[in-house]
Structure formats: C-alpha cells, structure tokens
Amino acid sequence: MRITAAAETEFLEEIFQKAGFSATDGTLLADTLVDADLRGISSHGIQRLDWYIRMVKDGTIKPQNEVKTLKETDTSLLLDANGNMGQIASALAIKSLIKKAKTTNIAMAVIRNSNHFGTAGYYSRLAAEAGLIGISTTNTRPLVVPTNAIEAFLGSNAFAFTFPADPHPFVFDGATSSVSSGKIMVLAKNQKPILGEWAIDRERNIIHDSKKAAEILSEVAFTEHQSGGGVLTLGGNREENSNYKGFGNSLVVELLTGILAQGSISADTNTGKHDFSQFFMVINPAFFGDLATLKANAEKMFERIRNLDHIPGTHIMIPGDREYRNYDHNSKHGVVIDPKTIQEITAIAEKFAIKLPQEIKE
C-alpha cells in the first residue's frame, strides 16, 4: 500500500490526539514518523505506531506529562522527559541547544526518564539546517550481546552526526550495533530472511530466520527471562574481526545517556522502571572558520570519495545520500506501508473511529 506523506501525517496526528497527546505534541510525533518513512527508514516510521499505542495503554508512555527543566546554563541543559515520548523532550532540547550554540559555539543536553525518540538523525539534521554540527544519541532496551557474551546487555544505542554541506548535509545516523531491532522486526513482519550477520542465538550461531530472531529480541527486551542471544555488535560474531570496537561504541553511548542521566542503563529497562536517556551536542563550525568555506571543503571531499574507482555495477554513496534520494522520490510518489503494518493501523483506526489514509492508485 502506498499513501501520500500528507495523508500519513493527517492520520497520525488524529491518532496521537485520540491517544491523549496535545495537538502540538501529536504534530511533532507524526512528523518524526513520516520523516522516517520518507527517508526509507521504515523501521522507525508508521510501523512503530502499534508499539507506541500499546505503551500508552500500559502506562509506559504518559501523554499528559510535561517536560521538566532540571538544570540549565548558557551551554548545558538537563531535562526530565517525565515519562512522555522521547521526541517531545528531544525536540525541545535540540532547539534550545541550537540557540545556545549560536552564541556560545558549543552546547549539550542530557534527558532522563524518557522513551523511544524516533530516529537520532531527525534532531541532528535540525542543527545542520541551522548551519551547525549536531550529535544525537540514545540508549534502548537490552538487545545487543557484548563480545564473547551469550546474552544481551547493551542497547542498539543509536548515534547520529551531521555536518552542514551542499546540496544536503552530511548525515550519519545508525545503531552502534550491527543493526537496529526495528529492521529485524520489519523483516519478520514481512516473512523475509535476514541476509546479513545481524543476530545470534545462545550458542552464538548466526540466525537468518527473522521470526526466530524477533522472538529472541522480544524476550530479552521485554521480559526478565534471558534464554540467550540477541543482536551482534558492529564487527560481527568473532573477536578476530574487531567486534570489540562495536562493543566499545555501544558503551560510549551508554555512558553518555543512562549513566550521565543517572537513569537506567539499557540492561535494566526490560523490567521495573522503563526509562531511556538521551544525549545531544551542538557545535558551531563557524567558530573555526568561514562556514561557506567549510561547507565547500566538505563537499569537495565527498565528491572525491563518490568518484573513486569502484566495483563495476556499484556506486559510492556518502552517508545521507540514500536518505535524501528516498525523501525526494517518496515525497513525489508516496510512502510504502507493508501488509502487516496495514493490519495494525487498521485495527488502531477502528479503535479510535478514524478513517484510514487513502491508498494512491497507480
């Protein structure tokens, strides 16, 4: 099923308001999901809606709660998301940091008592659009198996970094593990195999059955029971391939989020108090030199890389290229929603007595 971004936005805004969010917050939440779908990041798009609504229902997400400012200086900010969606506190944080960094050249924020915040790149891009460098991170539920371990402990712990450039900013946005759990869930929904070496069982055997991998991740992320297995760190299954570097990357994010926020580490978010933490930093590159020159130099470097000799039938892409290409295409032709997600949003629409988005006819 393919629908327009406008239709998806209208549908999501209605759903979020029916679920108890304010109109302003509902608009923001809808924008983060539609933005992900437009960029081809379906793992963080409308397919997350069913999960969000279930968390509202069980009290994990508290739509009426307002973000609290706990501490603030000219260069720093500490927020309490107060159990509401991570997008709400995160958008407030990054917009504040953009203003601060315009004056102080660098600013950072930590958010505690938060929830899922969508894609990390959403916030870093806001900084890039303002001519600034943006860094966004979050911890998650326990999904990732450390080097030589057999059970999950770390989160997929997303990290995004943006740098202003033309024709579009440099945007690196990805999990510090081999993959986000959302991508495995999308494959499982559509009964497709895992082609890469993303997940393992208790014996650290690679799993290509997405349904089996999804079942393992559901257990480790949402229950006290740990049968073993989970997502691999960057570097794959073997220490000889330097998977300890991916392990280290995940730990860096864990320290900047759960530890710095004095909240739960990823390993403890599957039981008891559910709280994620986020970390943001904004840097003004104009402090170091003329912004136009810095952007031009960055783009020259990217063009040199794109034009390197490469394997026939392939092409070299800079992080962000694919997402902006997808954005342009999907803005014109609409976003695709998989059959399983259609079933989920149909049930949600019926529950709230809201019409489904109209399908685009070819």
Protein backbone atom coordinates (compact mmCIF):
# COMPACT_ATOMS: atom_id res chain seq x y z
CA MET A 1 0.00 0.00 0.00
CA ARG A 2 1.33 3.44 -0.94
CA ILE A 3 0.00 6.67 0.60
CA THR A 4 0.98 10.31 0.42
CA ALA A 5 3.06 11.85 3.19
CA ALA A 6 0.27 14.37 3.77
CA ALA A 7 -2.30 11.61 4.26
CA GLU A 8 0.01 9.76 6.63
CA THR A 9 0.63 12.95 8.60
CA GLU A 10 -3.08 13.74 8.95
CA PHE A 11 -3.85 10.17 10.04
CA LEU A 12 -1.08 10.08 12.65
CA GLU A 13 -1.97 13.48 14.07
CA GLU A 14 -5.55 12.31 14.63
CA ILE A 15 -4.41 9.06 16.22
CA PHE A 16 -2.00 10.76 18.61
CA GLN A 17 -4.59 13.29 19.72
CA LYS A 18 -7.10 10.47 20.32
CA ALA A 19 -4.40 8.69 22.34
CA GLY A 20 -4.13 11.68 24.68
CA PHE A 21 -1.31 13.81 23.28
CA SER A 22 -1.71 17.53 22.82
CA ALA A 23 -2.17 18.82 19.27
CA THR A 24 1.35 20.26 19.30
CA ASP A 25 2.94 17.04 20.57
CA GLY A 26 0.86 14.94 18.17
CA THR A 27 2.07 17.02 15.23
CA LEU A 28 5.68 16.53 16.30
CA LEU A 29 5.28 12.77 16.76
CA ALA A 30 3.61 12.45 13.38
CA ASP A 31 6.38 14.45 11.72
CA THR A 32 9.12 12.19 13.13
CA LEU A 33 7.41 9.03 11.83
CA VAL A 34 6.56 10.47 8.41
CA ASP A 35 10.09 11.84 8.08
CA ALA A 36 11.50 8.35 8.70
CA ASP A 37 9.16 6.79 6.13
CA LEU A 38 10.03 9.43 3.54
CA ARG A 39 13.72 8.71 4.03
CA GLY A 40 13.19 4.98 3.61
CA ILE A 41 13.80 4.24 7.30
CA SER A 42 10.62 2.20 7.65
CA SER A 43 11.89 0.60 10.87
CA HIS A 44 11.22 3.94 12.60
CA GLY A 45 8.17 5.06 10.64
CA ILE A 46 4.46 4.32 10.93
CA GLN A 47 5.23 0.66 11.70
CA ARG A 48 6.14 1.89 15.22
CA LEU A 49 2.60 3.19 15.80
CA ASP A 50 1.17 -0.04 17.19
CA TRP A 51 4.03 -0.26 19.71
CA TYR A 52 3.56 3.38 20.75
CA ILE A 53 -0.18 2.95 21.30
CA ARG A 54 0.37 -0.20 23.34
CA MET A 55 2.87 1.64 25.56
CA VAL A 56 0.36 4.45 26.10
CA LYS A 57 -2.24 1.87 27.08
CA ASP A 58 0.01 0.10 29.61
CA GLY A 59 1.20 3.40 31.13
CA THR A 60 4.80 3.23 29.89
CA ILE A 61 4.16 6.44 27.93
CA LYS A 62 2.30 9.23 29.74
CA PRO A 63 0.96 11.65 27.09
CA GLN A 64 -0.28 14.33 29.51
CA ASN A 65 3.05 14.73 31.32
CA GLU A 66 5.07 17.86 30.56
CA VAL A 67 8.85 18.02 30.19
CA LYS A 68 10.68 19.45 33.20
CA THR A 69 13.84 21.58 33.07
CA LEU A 70 16.02 20.43 35.97
CA LYS A 71 19.21 22.42 35.36
CA GLU A 72 20.30 24.94 32.74
CA THR A 73 23.31 27.13 31.93
CA ASP A 74 24.41 29.02 28.83
CA THR A 75 26.00 25.83 27.46
CA SER A 76 24.13 22.96 29.10
CA LEU A 77 20.69 21.57 29.78
CA LEU A 78 19.29 18.73 31.88
CA LEU A 79 15.70 17.71 31.15
CA ASP A 80 13.27 15.22 32.65
CA ALA A 81 11.00 13.82 29.92
CA ASN A 82 8.62 12.87 32.72
CA GLY A 83 7.65 9.55 31.18
CA ASN A 84 6.35 11.09 27.95
CA MET A 85 7.59 10.31 24.44
CA GLY A 86 11.28 10.90 23.80
CA GLN A 87 10.55 13.04 20.73
CA ILE A 88 8.95 15.76 22.84
CA ALA A 89 11.86 16.36 25.21
CA SER A 90 14.40 15.78 22.43
CA ALA A 91 12.92 18.41 20.11
CA LEU A 92 12.82 20.88 22.99
CA ALA A 93 16.45 20.09 23.83
CA ILE A 94 17.89 20.38 20.32
CA LYS A 95 16.07 23.65 19.60
CA SER A 96 17.41 25.10 22.84
CA LEU A 97 20.94 23.91 22.05
CA ILE A 98 20.80 25.47 18.58
CA LYS A 99 20.05 28.85 20.15
CA LYS A 100 22.75 28.41 22.76
CA ALA A 101 25.45 27.30 20.30
CA LYS A 102 24.80 30.30 18.07
CA THR A 103 26.11 32.38 20.97
CA THR A 104 28.42 30.07 22.93
CA ASN A 105 29.67 27.90 20.00
CA ILE A 106 29.01 24.64 21.86
CA ALA A 107 26.15 23.33 23.97
CA MET A 108 24.99 19.96 25.24
CA ALA A 109 21.94 18.37 26.85
CA VAL A 110 21.00 15.20 28.69
CA ILE A 111 17.47 13.86 29.02
CA ARG A 112 16.36 11.39 31.67
CA ASN A 113 13.15 9.45 32.29
CA SER A 114 12.42 9.31 28.57
CA ASN A 115 11.05 6.88 25.98
CA HIS A 116 11.78 5.96 22.36
CA PHE A 117 12.69 9.14 20.43
CA GLY A 118 12.41 8.04 16.80
CA THR A 119 15.46 8.43 14.58
CA ALA A 120 18.53 10.11 16.02
CA GLY A 121 19.16 11.86 12.71
CA TYR A 122 15.91 13.83 12.98
CA TYR A 123 17.40 16.05 15.67
CA SER A 124 20.92 16.30 14.30
CA ARG A 125 19.52 17.44 10.94
CA LEU A 126 17.80 20.35 12.68
CA ALA A 127 21.24 21.50 13.81
CA ALA A 128 22.70 21.05 10.32
CA GLU A 129 19.87 23.07 8.79
CA ALA A 130 20.88 25.89 11.15
CA GLY A 131 24.49 25.68 9.93
CA LEU A 132 25.66 23.73 12.97
CA ILE A 133 27.14 20.32 13.76
CA GLY A 134 24.65 18.05 15.54
CA ILE A 135 25.21 14.94 17.67
CA SER A 136 22.31 12.85 18.99
CA THR A 137 22.36 9.59 20.94
CA THR A 138 20.04 7.37 22.96
CA ASN A 139 20.14 4.12 24.87
CA THR A 140 17.42 1.48 24.36
CA ARG A 141 16.09 -1.76 25.75
CA PRO A 142 18.71 -4.55 26.06
CA LEU A 143 19.20 -6.07 22.62
CA VAL A 144 22.93 -6.32 21.95
CA VAL A 145 25.25 -9.15 23.00
CA PRO A 146 28.74 -7.92 24.06
CA THR A 147 31.90 -9.50 22.70
CA ASN A 148 32.16 -13.17 23.80
CA ALA A 149 28.93 -12.98 25.85
CA ILE A 150 25.84 -15.09 25.13
CA GLU A 151 23.11 -12.80 26.46
CA ALA A 152 22.00 -9.27 25.58
CA PHE A 153 23.04 -6.41 27.83
CA LEU A 154 23.55 -3.25 25.75
CA GLY A 155 21.05 -1.27 23.73
CA SER A 156 21.31 -0.74 19.98
CA ASN A 157 22.24 2.78 21.15
CA ALA A 158 21.74 4.97 18.10
CA PHE A 159 24.26 7.67 17.19
CA ALA A 160 23.74 10.47 14.67
CA PHE A 161 26.24 13.08 13.48
CA THR A 162 25.53 15.85 10.99
CA PHE A 163 27.74 18.44 9.31
CA PRO A 164 26.41 21.28 7.14
CA ALA A 165 27.14 20.80 3.43
CA ASP A 166 25.56 21.25 -0.01
CA PRO A 167 23.42 20.03 -1.71
CA HIS A 168 22.44 18.39 1.56
CA PRO A 169 24.07 17.97 4.99
CA PHE A 170 26.30 15.03 5.81
CA VAL A 171 24.07 12.76 7.91
CA PHE A 172 25.35 9.65 9.62
CA ASP A 173 22.54 8.01 11.56
CA GLY A 174 22.79 4.43 12.75
CA ALA A 175 22.79 1.96 15.59
CA THR A 176 26.11 1.26 17.29
CA SER A 177 25.17 -2.41 16.92
CA SER A 178 25.13 -4.32 13.63
CA VAL A 179 21.51 -3.27 13.09
CA SER A 180 18.54 -1.75 14.92
CA SER A 181 15.93 -4.17 16.20
CA GLY A 182 13.33 -2.36 14.12
CA LYS A 183 14.88 -3.65 10.89
CA ILE A 184 14.63 -7.23 12.13
CA MET A 185 11.02 -6.62 13.14
CA VAL A 186 10.21 -5.30 9.65
CA LEU A 187 11.71 -8.43 8.06
CA ALA A 188 9.78 -10.67 10.47
CA LYS A 189 6.52 -8.84 9.70
CA ASN A 190 7.07 -9.47 6.01
CA GLN A 191 8.36 -13.05 6.45
CA LYS A 192 11.70 -12.23 4.86
CA PRO A 193 15.06 -13.74 5.91
CA ILE A 194 17.96 -11.88 7.46
CA LEU A 195 20.64 -11.79 4.79
CA GLY A 196 23.39 -10.27 6.92
CA GLU A 197 25.11 -11.50 10.09
CA TRP A 198 22.96 -9.46 12.45
CA ALA A 199 21.68 -11.73 15.20
CA ILE A 200 22.76 -14.82 17.16
CA ASP A 201 21.25 -17.50 19.38
CA ARG A 202 22.50 -18.68 22.79
CA GLU A 203 25.39 -20.61 21.21
CA ARG A 204 26.41 -17.51 19.19
CA ASN A 205 25.24 -19.15 15.99
CA ILE A 206 24.18 -16.68 13.29
CA ILE A 207 20.39 -16.52 12.81
CA HIS A 208 18.92 -15.85 9.37
CA ASP A 209 15.32 -16.67 10.35
CA SER A 210 13.87 -13.21 11.09
CA LYS A 211 10.90 -14.65 13.02
CA LYS A 212 13.22 -16.57 15.35
CA ALA A 213 15.44 -13.50 15.80
CA ALA A 214 12.41 -11.31 16.52
CA GLU A 215 11.21 -13.78 19.17
CA ILE A 216 14.62 -13.67 20.88
CA LEU A 217 14.65 -9.87 20.84
CA SER A 218 11.12 -9.68 22.24
CA GLU A 219 12.14 -11.92 25.12
CA VAL A 220 15.35 -10.08 26.01
CA ALA A 221 13.80 -6.63 25.61
CA PHE A 222 10.51 -7.10 27.40
CA THR A 223 10.88 -9.90 29.99
CA GLU A 224 13.09 -10.88 32.89
CA HIS A 225 13.86 -14.23 31.27
CA GLN A 226 17.11 -14.38 29.29
CA SER A 227 17.48 -17.53 27.20
CA GLY A 228 20.44 -16.01 25.41
CA GLY A 229 21.15 -14.45 22.05
CA GLY A 230 20.40 -11.06 20.54
CA VAL A 231 21.84 -8.53 18.10
CA LEU A 232 25.58 -8.51 17.35
CA THR A 233 27.89 -5.57 17.90
CA LEU A 234 29.49 -3.86 14.90
CA GLY A 235 32.24 -6.19 13.74
CA GLY A 236 30.05 -9.26 13.77
CA ASN A 237 30.31 -12.50 15.67
CA ARG A 238 34.04 -13.01 16.09
CA GLU A 239 36.52 -11.09 18.22
CA GLU A 240 39.08 -11.60 15.43
CA ASN A 241 37.01 -9.22 13.30
CA SER A 242 37.34 -6.50 15.96
CA ASN A 243 33.76 -6.70 17.23
CA TYR A 244 35.07 -5.25 20.50
CA LYS A 245 35.17 -1.90 18.69
CA GLY A 246 31.41 -2.03 18.18
CA PHE A 247 31.11 -3.10 21.82
CA GLY A 248 33.11 -0.03 22.80
CA ASN A 249 30.94 2.27 20.67
CA SER A 250 27.81 0.98 22.40
CA LEU A 251 29.39 1.54 25.80
CA VAL A 252 30.29 5.15 24.92
CA VAL A 253 26.64 5.86 24.20
CA GLU A 254 25.59 4.03 27.38
CA LEU A 255 27.89 6.29 29.41
CA LEU A 256 26.64 9.48 27.75
CA THR A 257 22.99 8.51 28.24
CA GLY A 258 21.94 6.17 31.05
CA ILE A 259 24.97 6.80 33.27
CA LEU A 260 25.22 10.57 32.73
CA ALA A 261 21.45 10.97 33.14
CA GLN A 262 21.57 8.84 36.31
CA GLY A 263 18.80 6.73 34.84
CA SER A 264 18.56 3.09 33.86
CA ILE A 265 21.23 1.51 31.73
CA SER A 266 19.86 -0.44 28.76
CA ALA A 267 20.21 -3.76 30.60
CA ASP A 268 17.72 -2.65 33.26
CA THR A 269 14.98 -1.16 31.06
CA ASN A 270 13.26 -4.50 30.39
CA THR A 271 12.00 -4.84 33.98
CA GLY A 272 10.80 -2.44 36.62
CA LYS A 273 11.12 1.24 35.73
CA HIS A 274 11.21 1.81 31.98
CA ASP A 275 13.29 4.88 31.19
CA PHE A 276 15.57 5.71 28.30
CA SER A 277 18.06 8.56 28.31
CA GLN A 278 19.32 10.82 25.53
CA PHE A 279 22.40 12.97 24.94
CA PHE A 280 22.75 15.85 22.46
CA MET A 281 25.56 18.18 21.48
CA VAL A 282 25.59 21.12 19.07
CA ILE A 283 28.77 22.76 17.80
CA ASN A 284 29.10 25.96 15.77
CA PRO A 285 31.64 25.26 12.99
CA ALA A 286 31.81 28.98 12.14
CA PHE A 287 33.98 29.43 15.23
CA PHE A 288 36.74 27.60 13.37
CA GLY A 289 36.41 29.33 10.00
CA ASP A 290 34.10 30.76 7.36
CA LEU A 291 31.03 28.50 7.20
CA ALA A 292 30.67 28.70 3.42
CA THR A 293 34.30 27.63 3.01
CA LEU A 294 33.91 24.75 5.47
CA LYS A 295 30.81 23.52 3.66
CA ALA A 296 32.56 23.77 0.28
CA ASN A 297 35.58 21.87 1.58
CA ALA A 298 33.36 19.14 2.99
CA GLU A 299 31.51 18.78 -0.30
CA LYS A 300 34.78 18.61 -2.26
CA MET A 301 35.88 15.74 -0.03
CA PHE A 302 32.56 13.93 -0.52
CA GLU A 303 32.75 14.34 -4.31
CA ARG A 304 36.27 12.91 -4.38
CA ILE A 305 35.02 9.88 -2.47
CA ARG A 306 31.96 9.44 -4.70
CA ASN A 307 34.22 9.45 -7.77
CA LEU A 308 36.81 6.95 -6.56
CA ASP A 309 37.37 3.87 -8.72
CA HIS A 310 34.78 1.33 -7.67
CA ILE A 311 33.38 -2.12 -8.37
CA PRO A 312 31.51 -2.23 -11.70
CA GLY A 313 27.75 -2.05 -11.29
CA THR A 314 28.01 -0.25 -7.96
CA HIS A 315 28.35 3.35 -6.88
CA ILE A 316 29.78 5.04 -3.81
CA MET A 317 27.38 6.89 -1.53
CA ILE A 318 28.13 9.28 1.31
CA PRO A 319 26.01 8.85 4.46
CA GLY A 320 22.81 10.78 3.88
CA ASP A 321 22.80 10.39 0.07
CA ARG A 322 20.39 7.44 0.05
CA GLU A 323 18.01 9.02 2.56
CA TYR A 324 17.77 12.32 0.67
CA ARG A 325 17.24 10.43 -2.61
CA ASN A 326 14.48 8.40 -0.94
CA TYR A 327 12.98 11.58 0.51
CA ASP A 328 12.70 13.21 -2.92
CA HIS A 329 11.23 10.08 -4.52
CA ASN A 330 8.74 9.30 -1.75
CA SER A 331 7.64 12.94 -1.49
CA LYS A 332 6.51 12.69 -5.11
CA HIS A 333 5.24 9.11 -5.21
CA GLY A 334 4.18 8.41 -1.63
CA VAL A 335 5.48 6.07 1.08
CA VAL A 336 5.02 2.30 1.11
CA ILE A 337 3.41 0.57 4.10
CA ASP A 338 3.88 -3.18 4.48
CA PRO A 339 0.84 -5.52 4.76
CA LYS A 340 1.36 -6.36 8.45
CA THR A 341 1.57 -2.70 9.42
CA ILE A 342 -1.60 -2.05 7.40
CA GLN A 343 -3.37 -4.65 9.56
CA GLU A 344 -2.09 -2.95 12.72
CA ILE A 345 -3.06 0.58 11.74
CA THR A 346 -6.45 -0.66 10.51
CA ALA A 347 -7.17 -2.03 13.99
CA ILE A 348 -5.99 1.24 15.56
CA ALA A 349 -8.14 3.28 13.18
CA GLU A 350 -11.20 1.19 14.06
CA LYS A 351 -10.48 1.57 17.77
CA PHE A 352 -10.37 5.37 17.50
CA ALA A 353 -13.06 5.64 14.79
CA ILE A 354 -10.68 7.30 12.32
CA LYS A 355 -10.56 6.77 8.57
CA LEU A 356 -7.51 5.06 7.13
CA PRO A 357 -5.33 7.07 4.74
CA GLN A 358 -6.44 6.67 1.13
CA GLU A 359 -4.25 4.45 -1.00
CA ILE A 360 -2.55 6.04 -4.00
CA LYS A 361 -3.85 4.46 -7.19
CA GLU A 362 -1.25 3.77 -9.86
